[in-house]
Amino acid sequence: MINVRTIRKLQENDGLTLKAGRIITYKTGWQVGFAGVECTTPEAAIKAVKEFSGNCGIWYSEGIYYIDRSIRISTKHEALSFGRRYNQISIWGWQSQKLAYC
């Protein structure tokens, strides 16, 4: 399981995807959040990660840690549709390493 030090190291617009508390990456597909919380401290963020059993994504922006349950979806079309359904701003493309906006 990652620890609070890992979360403290996140810089503006950094993020991580976790599976069972370990940082993972994929070669293809799209990561899409569907339920989450916002935290203002690394300690609150690690607590949320633990509440999600380490199966989540973390994104840091402007002093806020966004902790979302997320899934990987194969196609961009399906991922965008899923993201819109859950009011997501964007989805993460593993191959391109870039966001696509919903």
Protein backbone atom coordinates (compact mmCIF):
# COMPACT_ATOMS: atom_id res chain seq x y z
CA MET A 1 0.00 0.00 0.00
CA ILE A 2 1.31 3.46 -0.82
CA ASN A 3 1.88 5.78 2.11
CA VAL A 4 1.27 9.41 2.93
CA ARG A 5 4.82 10.35 1.80
CA THR A 6 3.96 9.26 -1.75
CA ILE A 7 0.89 11.48 -1.73
CA ARG A 8 2.86 14.44 -0.35
CA LYS A 9 5.26 14.17 -3.32
CA LEU A 10 2.51 14.83 -5.87
CA GLN A 11 3.04 18.09 -7.73
CA GLU A 12 0.45 20.24 -9.51
CA ASN A 13 -1.59 18.06 -11.91
CA ASP A 14 0.22 14.85 -10.90
CA GLY A 15 -1.73 11.66 -10.51
CA LEU A 16 -1.50 7.97 -9.73
CA THR A 17 -3.62 4.93 -10.43
CA LEU A 18 -3.68 2.27 -7.72
CA LYS A 19 -4.68 -1.35 -7.63
CA ALA A 20 -4.65 -2.94 -4.17
CA GLY A 21 -2.63 0.05 -2.99
CA ARG A 22 0.16 -0.35 -5.54
CA ILE A 23 0.88 2.09 -8.34
CA ILE A 24 -0.01 0.58 -11.71
CA THR A 25 0.17 1.59 -15.35
CA TYR A 26 -1.36 0.12 -18.45
CA LYS A 27 -0.25 0.25 -22.08
CA THR A 28 -3.71 0.76 -23.57
CA GLY A 29 -7.23 1.76 -22.69
CA TRP A 30 -8.75 4.68 -20.83
CA GLN A 31 -9.05 5.23 -17.08
CA VAL A 32 -12.36 6.71 -15.98
CA GLY A 33 -13.40 7.80 -12.51
CA PHE A 34 -16.95 7.21 -11.31
CA ALA A 35 -17.18 7.98 -7.58
CA GLY A 36 -14.89 9.83 -5.28
CA VAL A 37 -13.99 12.37 -2.66
CA GLU A 38 -11.99 15.58 -2.44
CA CYS A 39 -9.38 16.04 0.27
CA THR A 40 -7.24 19.00 1.24
CA THR A 41 -4.49 17.19 3.15
CA PRO A 42 -2.29 14.20 2.31
CA GLU A 43 -3.47 12.53 5.53
CA ALA A 44 -7.12 12.76 4.48
CA ALA A 45 -6.19 11.52 1.01
CA ILE A 46 -4.44 8.38 2.33
CA LYS A 47 -7.46 7.70 4.54
CA ALA A 48 -9.70 7.84 1.44
CA VAL A 49 -7.32 5.52 -0.44
CA LYS A 50 -7.60 3.03 2.41
CA GLU A 51 -11.41 3.34 2.44
CA PHE A 52 -11.35 2.42 -1.27
CA SER A 53 -9.13 -0.60 -0.42
CA GLY A 54 -6.34 0.95 -2.49
CA ASN A 55 -8.35 0.61 -5.73
CA CYS A 56 -8.57 4.18 -6.98
CA GLY A 57 -6.97 7.05 -8.79
CA ILE A 58 -5.43 10.13 -7.19
CA TRP A 59 -5.11 13.49 -8.88
CA TYR A 60 -3.70 16.64 -7.25
CA SER A 61 -4.69 20.12 -8.46
CA GLU A 62 -4.68 23.53 -6.80
CA GLY A 63 -4.37 22.19 -3.26
CA ILE A 64 -7.03 19.50 -3.63
CA TYR A 65 -6.49 15.74 -3.80
CA TYR A 66 -9.18 14.03 -5.87
CA ILE A 67 -9.55 10.37 -4.93
CA ASP A 68 -11.79 8.44 -7.35
CA ARG A 69 -12.78 4.87 -7.82
CA SER A 70 -12.00 4.21 -11.44
CA ILE A 71 -12.08 1.55 -14.11
CA ARG A 72 -10.16 0.96 -17.30
CA ILE A 73 -12.24 0.90 -20.46
CA SER A 74 -10.88 -0.32 -23.79
CA THR A 75 -12.27 2.21 -26.24
CA LYS A 76 -12.24 5.99 -26.11
CA HIS A 77 -15.86 6.20 -27.25
CA GLU A 78 -17.09 3.97 -24.40
CA ALA A 79 -14.83 5.71 -21.88
CA LEU A 80 -16.10 9.17 -22.85
CA SER A 81 -19.70 7.98 -22.60
CA PHE A 82 -19.05 6.45 -19.18
CA GLY A 83 -17.24 9.61 -18.03
CA ARG A 84 -20.12 11.84 -19.09
CA ARG A 85 -22.59 9.60 -17.27
CA TYR A 86 -20.61 10.15 -14.05
CA ASN A 87 -20.00 13.88 -14.64
CA GLN A 88 -16.27 13.52 -15.13
CA ILE A 89 -14.29 16.40 -16.62
CA SER A 90 -11.83 14.13 -18.39
CA ILE A 91 -10.54 10.58 -18.86
CA TRP A 92 -6.93 9.39 -18.94
CA GLY A 93 -5.50 7.73 -22.06
CA TRP A 94 -2.88 5.17 -21.14
CA GLN A 95 -1.27 4.92 -24.56
CA SER A 96 -1.11 8.68 -25.20
CA GLN A 97 -0.47 9.58 -21.55
CA LYS A 98 -2.86 12.49 -22.03
CA LEU A 99 -6.32 13.57 -20.92
CA ALA A 100 -9.34 13.57 -23.19
CA TYR A 101 -12.10 15.92 -22.12
CA CYS A 102 -15.65 14.65 -21.75
